[in-house]
Amino acid sequence: MSEEKEMTFEEAMKQLEAIVEKLEEGNVPLEEAIAFFQEGMKLSKLCHDKLQHVEKQLEYMLREDGELVPFSPEEA
């Protein structure tokens, strides 16, 4: 899964949803189900990491002088 680093959050979620649908059907051979599950876990981690990164970005606003400061709605 080398394209993960370039995959967008939306692309990863779409693939994850497709995997969940396949697994929910219940007619997937065990070996294939395990491979889908492993791929789903990787995609889930990718989405989680991207969300954490965005969360951290939203916690701070960049001042004109380049200093990161906690975001305060009153200052906006």
Protein backbone atom coordinates (compact mmCIF):
# COMPACT_ATOMS: atom_id res chain seq x y z
CA MET A 1 0.00 0.00 0.00
CA SER A 2 2.65 2.50 -1.06
CA GLU A 3 0.13 5.06 -2.30
CA GLU A 4 -1.12 5.56 1.28
CA LYS A 5 1.15 8.54 1.86
CA GLU A 6 -0.47 10.34 -1.07
CA MET A 7 -4.00 9.07 -0.42
CA THR A 8 -6.48 11.68 0.74
CA PHE A 9 -8.69 11.21 3.76
CA GLU A 10 -11.73 10.93 1.49
CA GLU A 11 -10.11 8.26 -0.69
CA ALA A 12 -9.11 6.23 2.37
CA MET A 13 -12.62 6.49 3.82
CA LYS A 14 -14.15 5.37 0.53
CA GLN A 15 -11.88 2.32 0.39
CA LEU A 16 -12.57 1.58 4.05
CA GLU A 17 -16.33 1.73 3.45
CA ALA A 18 -15.98 -0.67 0.51
CA ILE A 19 -14.05 -3.13 2.70
CA VAL A 20 -16.67 -2.93 5.44
CA GLU A 21 -19.43 -3.62 2.90
CA LYS A 22 -17.58 -6.69 1.59
CA LEU A 23 -17.01 -8.03 5.09
CA GLU A 24 -20.61 -7.39 6.12
CA GLU A 25 -21.85 -9.49 3.19
CA GLY A 26 -20.41 -12.48 5.00
CA ASN A 27 -19.64 -14.57 1.91
CA VAL A 28 -15.91 -13.79 1.82
CA PRO A 29 -13.45 -16.69 2.26
CA LEU A 30 -11.55 -16.55 5.56
CA GLU A 31 -8.14 -15.76 4.04
CA GLU A 32 -9.62 -12.96 1.95
CA ALA A 33 -11.55 -11.62 4.95
CA ILE A 34 -8.34 -11.46 6.97
CA ALA A 35 -6.59 -9.58 4.15
CA PHE A 36 -9.54 -7.15 3.94
CA PHE A 37 -9.46 -6.69 7.71
CA GLN A 38 -5.72 -5.95 7.69
CA GLU A 39 -6.14 -3.46 4.84
CA GLY A 40 -9.05 -1.87 6.71
CA MET A 41 -6.94 -1.47 9.83
CA LYS A 42 -4.21 0.27 7.81
CA LEU A 43 -6.76 2.59 6.24
CA SER A 44 -8.35 3.26 9.62
CA LYS A 45 -4.97 4.23 11.07
CA LEU A 46 -4.28 6.46 8.06
CA CYS A 47 -7.61 8.25 8.57
CA HIS A 48 -7.01 8.57 12.31
CA ASP A 49 -3.54 10.02 11.76
CA LYS A 50 -4.83 12.52 9.20
CA LEU A 51 -7.61 13.61 11.56
CA GLN A 52 -5.15 14.05 14.43
CA HIS A 53 -2.92 16.17 12.20
CA VAL A 54 -5.81 18.40 11.19
CA GLU A 55 -6.94 18.63 14.82
CA LYS A 56 -3.51 19.89 15.84
CA GLN A 57 -3.56 22.43 13.01
CA LEU A 58 -6.92 23.72 14.17
CA GLU A 59 -5.69 24.11 17.76
CA TYR A 60 -3.26 26.78 16.66
CA MET A 61 -3.36 29.80 14.45
CA LEU A 62 -0.30 31.11 12.72
CA ARG A 63 0.54 34.71 13.61
CA GLU A 64 2.08 37.06 11.07
CA ASP A 65 5.45 36.75 12.85
CA GLY A 66 5.33 32.96 12.44
CA GLU A 67 4.69 32.19 16.12
CA LEU A 68 2.13 29.47 16.82
CA VAL A 69 -0.40 30.42 19.46
CA PRO A 70 -3.46 28.63 20.85
CA PHE A 71 -6.59 29.51 18.92
CA SER A 72 -9.08 31.69 20.74
CA PRO A 73 -12.39 32.54 19.03
CA GLU A 74 -12.40 35.97 20.71
CA GLU A 75 -9.20 36.91 18.82
CA ALA A 76 -10.53 35.89 15.41
